[in-house]
């Protein structure tokens, strides 16, 4: 299993593969956001629509920001989708393991 820092890249690769497998076009778009701006946005969502918002603390957000892997040039340019992580025969199997709704049956 790849370390957590790699998971974001793998998730995006799986999503790109899934989209292409059904003939859909897809594009990775990355819009960096400053930490302080992100905190303001989170507070606004929690203050205005708490029933529609996943609660998160500042510590949660900092941990997730630390884990986030910025997309590389190949992802942003729509380049070739890399092979799945070692031990996985393909992206469908990776996706089914991580997202149960993707499993057959």
C-alpha atoms as a PDB file:
ATOM      1  CA  UNK A   1       0.000   0.000   0.000  1.00  0.00           C
ATOM      2  CA  UNK A   2       1.347   3.410  -0.900  1.00  0.00           C
ATOM      3  CA  UNK A   3       1.741   5.972   1.805  1.00  0.00           C
ATOM      4  CA  UNK A   4      -1.043   8.456   2.469  1.00  0.00           C
ATOM      5  CA  UNK A   5       0.756  11.277   0.659  1.00  0.00           C
ATOM      6  CA  UNK A   6       0.395   9.300  -2.562  1.00  0.00           C
ATOM      7  CA  UNK A   7      -3.302   8.634  -2.102  1.00  0.00           C
ATOM      8  CA  UNK A   8      -4.485  11.924  -3.620  1.00  0.00           C
ATOM      9  CA  UNK A   9      -2.530  11.284  -6.788  1.00  0.00           C
ATOM     10  CA  UNK A  10      -3.871   7.721  -6.954  1.00  0.00           C
ATOM     11  CA  UNK A  11      -7.448   8.921  -6.383  1.00  0.00           C
ATOM     12  CA  UNK A  12      -7.181  11.440  -9.192  1.00  0.00           C
ATOM     13  CA  UNK A  13      -5.619   8.831 -11.489  1.00  0.00           C
ATOM     14  CA  UNK A  14      -8.451   6.397 -10.727  1.00  0.00           C
ATOM     15  CA  UNK A  15     -11.065   9.074 -11.367  1.00  0.00           C
ATOM     16  CA  UNK A  16      -9.392  10.040 -14.648  1.00  0.00           C
ATOM     17  CA  UNK A  17      -9.325   6.362 -15.672  1.00  0.00           C
ATOM     18  CA  UNK A  18     -12.979   5.858 -14.710  1.00  0.00           C
ATOM     19  CA  UNK A  19     -14.048   8.902 -16.733  1.00  0.00           C
ATOM     20  CA  UNK A  20     -12.077   7.833 -19.785  1.00  0.00           C
ATOM     21  CA  UNK A  21     -13.330   4.238 -19.501  1.00  0.00           C
ATOM     22  CA  UNK A  22     -16.882   5.432 -20.195  1.00  0.00           C
ATOM     23  CA  UNK A  23     -15.862   7.887 -22.888  1.00  0.00           C
ATOM     24  CA  UNK A  24     -16.132  11.002 -20.744  1.00  0.00           C
ATOM     25  CA  UNK A  25     -13.718  13.868 -21.013  1.00  0.00           C
ATOM     26  CA  UNK A  26     -12.086  14.955 -17.801  1.00  0.00           C
ATOM     27  CA  UNK A  27      -9.619  17.572 -16.691  1.00  0.00           C
ATOM     28  CA  UNK A  28      -7.789  18.088 -13.417  1.00  0.00           C
ATOM     29  CA  UNK A  29      -7.984  21.712 -12.354  1.00  0.00           C
ATOM     30  CA  UNK A  30      -5.987  22.884  -9.355  1.00  0.00           C
ATOM     31  CA  UNK A  31      -6.746  26.187  -7.669  1.00  0.00           C
ATOM     32  CA  UNK A  32      -4.420  26.742  -4.733  1.00  0.00           C
ATOM     33  CA  UNK A  33      -5.976  28.418  -1.706  1.00  0.00           C
ATOM     34  CA  UNK A  34      -4.251  30.204   1.119  1.00  0.00           C
ATOM     35  CA  UNK A  35      -4.724  28.625   4.555  1.00  0.00           C
ATOM     36  CA  UNK A  36      -6.343  31.743   6.027  1.00  0.00           C
ATOM     37  CA  UNK A  37      -8.797  32.006   3.138  1.00  0.00           C
ATOM     38  CA  UNK A  38      -9.658  28.344   3.552  1.00  0.00           C
ATOM     39  CA  UNK A  39     -10.349  28.841   7.274  1.00  0.00           C
ATOM     40  CA  UNK A  40     -12.693  31.761   6.495  1.00  0.00           C
ATOM     41  CA  UNK A  41     -14.549  29.667   3.908  1.00  0.00           C
ATOM     42  CA  UNK A  42     -14.920  26.746   6.321  1.00  0.00           C
ATOM     43  CA  UNK A  43     -16.225  29.025   9.081  1.00  0.00           C
ATOM     44  CA  UNK A  44     -18.688  30.617   6.652  1.00  0.00           C
ATOM     45  CA  UNK A  45     -20.056  27.238   5.521  1.00  0.00           C
ATOM     46  CA  UNK A  46     -20.327  25.982   9.083  1.00  0.00           C
ATOM     47  CA  UNK A  47     -22.047  29.210  10.137  1.00  0.00           C
ATOM     48  CA  UNK A  48     -24.532  29.421   7.275  1.00  0.00           C
ATOM     49  CA  UNK A  49     -25.270  25.783   6.379  1.00  0.00           C
ATOM     50  CA  UNK A  50     -24.161  23.559   9.266  1.00  0.00           C
ATOM     51  CA  UNK A  51     -26.619  20.809   8.235  1.00  0.00           C
ATOM     52  CA  UNK A  52     -24.899  20.592   4.823  1.00  0.00           C
ATOM     53  CA  UNK A  53     -21.316  20.954   6.000  1.00  0.00           C
ATOM     54  CA  UNK A  54     -18.818  18.356   7.127  1.00  0.00           C
ATOM     55  CA  UNK A  55     -17.573  19.626  10.484  1.00  0.00           C
ATOM     56  CA  UNK A  56     -13.825  20.132  10.705  1.00  0.00           C
ATOM     57  CA  UNK A  57     -11.538  21.762  13.169  1.00  0.00           C
ATOM     58  CA  UNK A  58      -8.552  23.910  12.340  1.00  0.00           C
ATOM     59  CA  UNK A  59      -6.350  20.958  13.347  1.00  0.00           C
ATOM     60  CA  UNK A  60      -8.283  18.687  10.936  1.00  0.00           C
ATOM     61  CA  UNK A  61      -7.790  21.146   8.110  1.00  0.00           C
ATOM     62  CA  UNK A  62      -4.073  21.498   8.854  1.00  0.00           C
ATOM     63  CA  UNK A  63      -3.652  17.712   8.838  1.00  0.00           C
ATOM     64  CA  UNK A  64      -5.475  17.410   5.506  1.00  0.00           C
ATOM     65  CA  UNK A  65      -3.483  20.259   3.990  1.00  0.00           C
ATOM     66  CA  UNK A  66      -0.297  18.467   5.041  1.00  0.00           C
ATOM     67  CA  UNK A  67      -1.446  15.259   3.351  1.00  0.00           C
ATOM     68  CA  UNK A  68      -2.612  16.919   0.144  1.00  0.00           C
ATOM     69  CA  UNK A  69      -0.494  16.192  -2.903  1.00  0.00           C
ATOM     70  CA  UNK A  70      -0.477  18.988  -5.477  1.00  0.00           C
ATOM     71  CA  UNK A  71      -1.232  17.662  -8.976  1.00  0.00           C
ATOM     72  CA  UNK A  72       1.816  17.319 -11.200  1.00  0.00           C
ATOM     73  CA  UNK A  73       2.190  18.700 -14.717  1.00  0.00           C
ATOM     74  CA  UNK A  74       1.122  15.411 -16.340  1.00  0.00           C
ATOM     75  CA  UNK A  75      -2.159  15.433 -14.414  1.00  0.00           C
ATOM     76  CA  UNK A  76      -2.857  19.070 -15.205  1.00  0.00           C
ATOM     77  CA  UNK A  77      -2.017  18.596 -18.888  1.00  0.00           C
ATOM     78  CA  UNK A  78      -4.270  15.542 -19.183  1.00  0.00           C
ATOM     79  CA  UNK A  79      -1.285  13.302 -19.786  1.00  0.00           C
ATOM     80  CA  UNK A  80      -1.123   9.548 -19.707  1.00  0.00           C
ATOM     81  CA  UNK A  81      -2.662   7.913 -16.660  1.00  0.00           C
ATOM     82  CA  UNK A  82       0.029   6.048 -14.727  1.00  0.00           C
ATOM     83  CA  UNK A  83      -0.204   2.388 -13.815  1.00  0.00           C
ATOM     84  CA  UNK A  84      -2.077   1.628 -10.597  1.00  0.00           C
ATOM     85  CA  UNK A  85      -0.186   1.044  -7.356  1.00  0.00           C
ATOM     86  CA  UNK A  86       1.779  -2.178  -6.989  1.00  0.00           C
ATOM     87  CA  UNK A  87      -0.396  -5.149  -6.156  1.00  0.00           C
ATOM     88  CA  UNK A  88      -3.404  -3.857  -8.092  1.00  0.00           C
ATOM     89  CA  UNK A  89      -4.149  -5.371 -11.509  1.00  0.00           C
ATOM     90  CA  UNK A  90      -5.893  -2.211 -12.679  1.00  0.00           C
ATOM     91  CA  UNK A  91      -7.673   1.000 -11.736  1.00  0.00           C
ATOM     92  CA  UNK A  92     -11.110  -0.710 -11.557  1.00  0.00           C
ATOM     93  CA  UNK A  93      -9.833  -2.953  -8.748  1.00  0.00           C
ATOM     94  CA  UNK A  94      -8.183  -0.029  -6.964  1.00  0.00           C
ATOM     95  CA  UNK A  95     -11.416   1.975  -7.216  1.00  0.00           C
ATOM     96  CA  UNK A  96     -13.587  -0.916  -5.981  1.00  0.00           C
ATOM     97  CA  UNK A  97     -11.318  -1.364  -2.962  1.00  0.00           C
ATOM     98  CA  UNK A  98     -11.378   2.339  -2.043  1.00  0.00           C
ATOM     99  CA  UNK A  99     -14.915   3.214  -3.121  1.00  0.00           C
ATOM    100  CA  UNK A 100     -17.341   0.321  -2.483  1.00  0.00           C
ATOM    101  CA  UNK A 101     -19.918   1.856  -4.825  1.00  0.00           C
ATOM    102  CA  UNK A 102     -17.533   1.016  -7.690  1.00  0.00           C
ATOM    103  CA  UNK A 103     -17.559  -2.717  -6.889  1.00  0.00           C
ATOM    104  CA  UNK A 104     -19.420  -5.014  -9.272  1.00  0.00           C
ATOM    105  CA  UNK A 105     -22.443  -6.858  -7.986  1.00  0.00           C
END
